[in-house]
Amino acid sequence: MPSKSPSLLVLNRTTYHFRKVVPHRYRWLLGRCEIRTTLQTSYLREAREAANALSSRIGEMFLRIDGGLAMKKLFEQDAKQLANQWLAHESDRTRRERLSRHGHFLLDRLLSGNS
């Protein structure tokens, strides 16, 4: 027997309500496990149309969230890469400066005759 996905519609007395479970990965962001709202109709056909439209908009919202999170992740990766490049450059520059100072110090000692 095929599994039946949960209905988007809930009949509360005479009015239909929309109900959609929030996927686990968005719950921390939305602060809820489900989205519920009244569809303000007692007619099943109207309720189905409204629920499908609302479900579609919520799906688009989740896609935008995914895109934003992906961009954030890419930004964090780029930022880490840039930071690592900067640190490597600074470290290399510091090492060159240290060697240069040490080289000058050795050269000064050799020229002054103090070994």
Protein backbone atom coordinates (compact mmCIF):
# COMPACT_ATOMS: atom_id res chain seq x y z
CA MET A 1 0.00 0.00 0.00
CA PRO A 2 1.55 3.36 -1.01
CA SER A 3 2.21 5.77 1.82
CA LYS A 4 0.00 8.80 1.90
CA SER A 5 1.62 12.17 2.46
CA PRO A 6 0.04 14.27 5.19
CA SER A 7 -2.74 16.50 4.05
CA LEU A 8 -2.23 20.23 3.84
CA LEU A 9 -5.85 20.70 4.87
CA VAL A 10 -7.37 20.44 8.31
CA LEU A 11 -11.09 20.99 8.85
CA ASN A 12 -11.70 22.80 12.12
CA ARG A 13 -15.46 22.83 12.71
CA THR A 14 -16.60 24.52 9.48
CA THR A 15 -13.42 26.28 8.33
CA TYR A 16 -10.45 24.77 6.56
CA HIS A 17 -6.96 25.42 7.84
CA PHE A 18 -3.59 24.98 6.18
CA ARG A 19 -0.98 22.82 7.91
CA LYS A 20 2.51 22.04 6.65
CA VAL A 21 5.32 20.37 8.56
CA VAL A 22 8.54 22.39 8.60
CA PRO A 23 11.52 20.23 7.55
CA HIS A 24 14.03 19.64 10.35
CA ARG A 25 16.76 21.73 8.71
CA TYR A 26 14.59 24.90 8.84
CA ARG A 27 13.15 24.51 12.33
CA TRP A 28 16.01 26.33 14.06
CA LEU A 29 15.50 29.24 11.68
CA LEU A 30 11.71 29.44 11.84
CA GLY A 31 11.39 28.43 15.48
CA ARG A 32 8.51 26.06 14.81
CA CYS A 33 7.73 22.51 13.70
CA GLU A 34 4.78 23.35 11.50
CA ILE A 35 3.09 26.22 9.71
CA ARG A 36 -0.61 26.61 10.41
CA THR A 37 -3.05 29.23 9.25
CA THR A 38 -6.71 29.55 8.46
CA LEU A 39 -7.78 29.47 4.82
CA GLN A 40 -10.99 31.30 5.75
CA THR A 41 -13.25 29.10 3.68
CA SER A 42 -15.61 26.24 4.30
CA TYR A 43 -15.52 25.11 0.67
CA LEU A 44 -13.19 22.22 -0.07
CA ARG A 45 -12.36 23.29 -3.64
CA GLU A 46 -11.34 26.80 -2.53
CA ALA A 47 -9.39 25.37 0.39
CA ARG A 48 -7.46 22.99 -1.91
CA GLU A 49 -6.56 25.80 -4.32
CA ALA A 50 -5.48 28.10 -1.49
CA ALA A 51 -3.51 25.33 0.24
CA ASN A 52 -1.68 24.39 -2.97
CA ALA A 53 -0.80 28.04 -3.67
CA LEU A 54 0.39 28.55 -0.10
CA SER A 55 2.38 25.32 -0.15
CA SER A 56 4.06 26.41 -3.38
CA ARG A 57 5.03 29.80 -1.89
CA ILE A 58 6.40 28.10 1.23
CA GLY A 59 8.41 25.72 -0.97
CA GLU A 60 9.88 28.72 -2.81
CA MET A 61 10.73 30.28 0.55
CA PHE A 62 12.61 27.11 1.57
CA LEU A 63 14.51 27.20 -1.74
CA ARG A 64 15.50 30.82 -1.11
CA ILE A 65 16.62 29.89 2.40
CA ASP A 66 18.69 27.05 0.95
CA GLY A 67 20.21 29.45 -1.57
CA GLY A 68 21.00 31.96 1.17
CA LEU A 69 22.57 29.30 3.35
CA ALA A 70 24.57 28.03 0.40
CA MET A 71 25.76 31.57 -0.34
CA LYS A 72 26.66 32.04 3.31
CA LYS A 73 28.62 28.80 3.26
CA LEU A 74 30.40 29.86 0.07
CA PHE A 75 31.15 33.25 1.61
CA GLU A 76 32.51 31.60 4.74
CA GLN A 77 34.69 29.31 2.61
CA ASP A 78 35.92 32.27 0.55
CA ALA A 79 36.56 34.28 3.70
CA LYS A 80 38.52 31.40 5.23
CA GLN A 81 40.53 30.97 2.04
CA LEU A 82 41.29 34.71 1.87
CA ALA A 83 42.24 34.74 5.54
CA ASN A 84 44.54 31.76 5.07
CA GLN A 85 46.15 33.41 2.04
CA TRP A 86 46.65 36.64 3.99
CA LEU A 87 48.10 34.76 6.96
CA ALA A 88 50.47 32.84 4.69
CA HIS A 89 51.54 36.08 3.03
CA GLU A 90 52.04 37.83 6.38
CA SER A 91 53.90 34.85 7.79
CA ASP A 92 56.16 34.76 4.75
CA ARG A 93 56.73 38.52 4.94
CA THR A 94 57.51 38.31 8.66
CA ARG A 95 59.92 35.45 8.04
CA ARG A 96 61.65 37.41 5.27
CA GLU A 97 61.91 40.47 7.51
CA ARG A 98 63.31 38.37 10.36
CA LEU A 99 65.84 36.77 8.02
CA SER A 100 66.72 40.16 6.65
CA ARG A 101 67.24 41.61 10.15
CA HIS A 102 69.20 38.53 11.17
CA GLY A 103 71.24 38.76 7.97
CA HIS A 104 72.02 42.43 8.63
CA PHE A 105 72.94 41.58 12.21
CA LEU A 106 75.32 38.85 11.04
CA LEU A 107 76.75 41.12 8.36
CA ASP A 108 77.29 43.90 10.94
CA ARG A 109 79.04 41.43 13.30
CA LEU A 110 81.27 40.16 10.52
CA LEU A 111 82.18 43.67 9.37
CA SER A 112 82.86 44.86 12.91
CA GLY A 113 85.15 41.90 13.51
CA ASN A 114 83.20 40.56 16.52
CA SER A 115 82.38 36.91 16.05
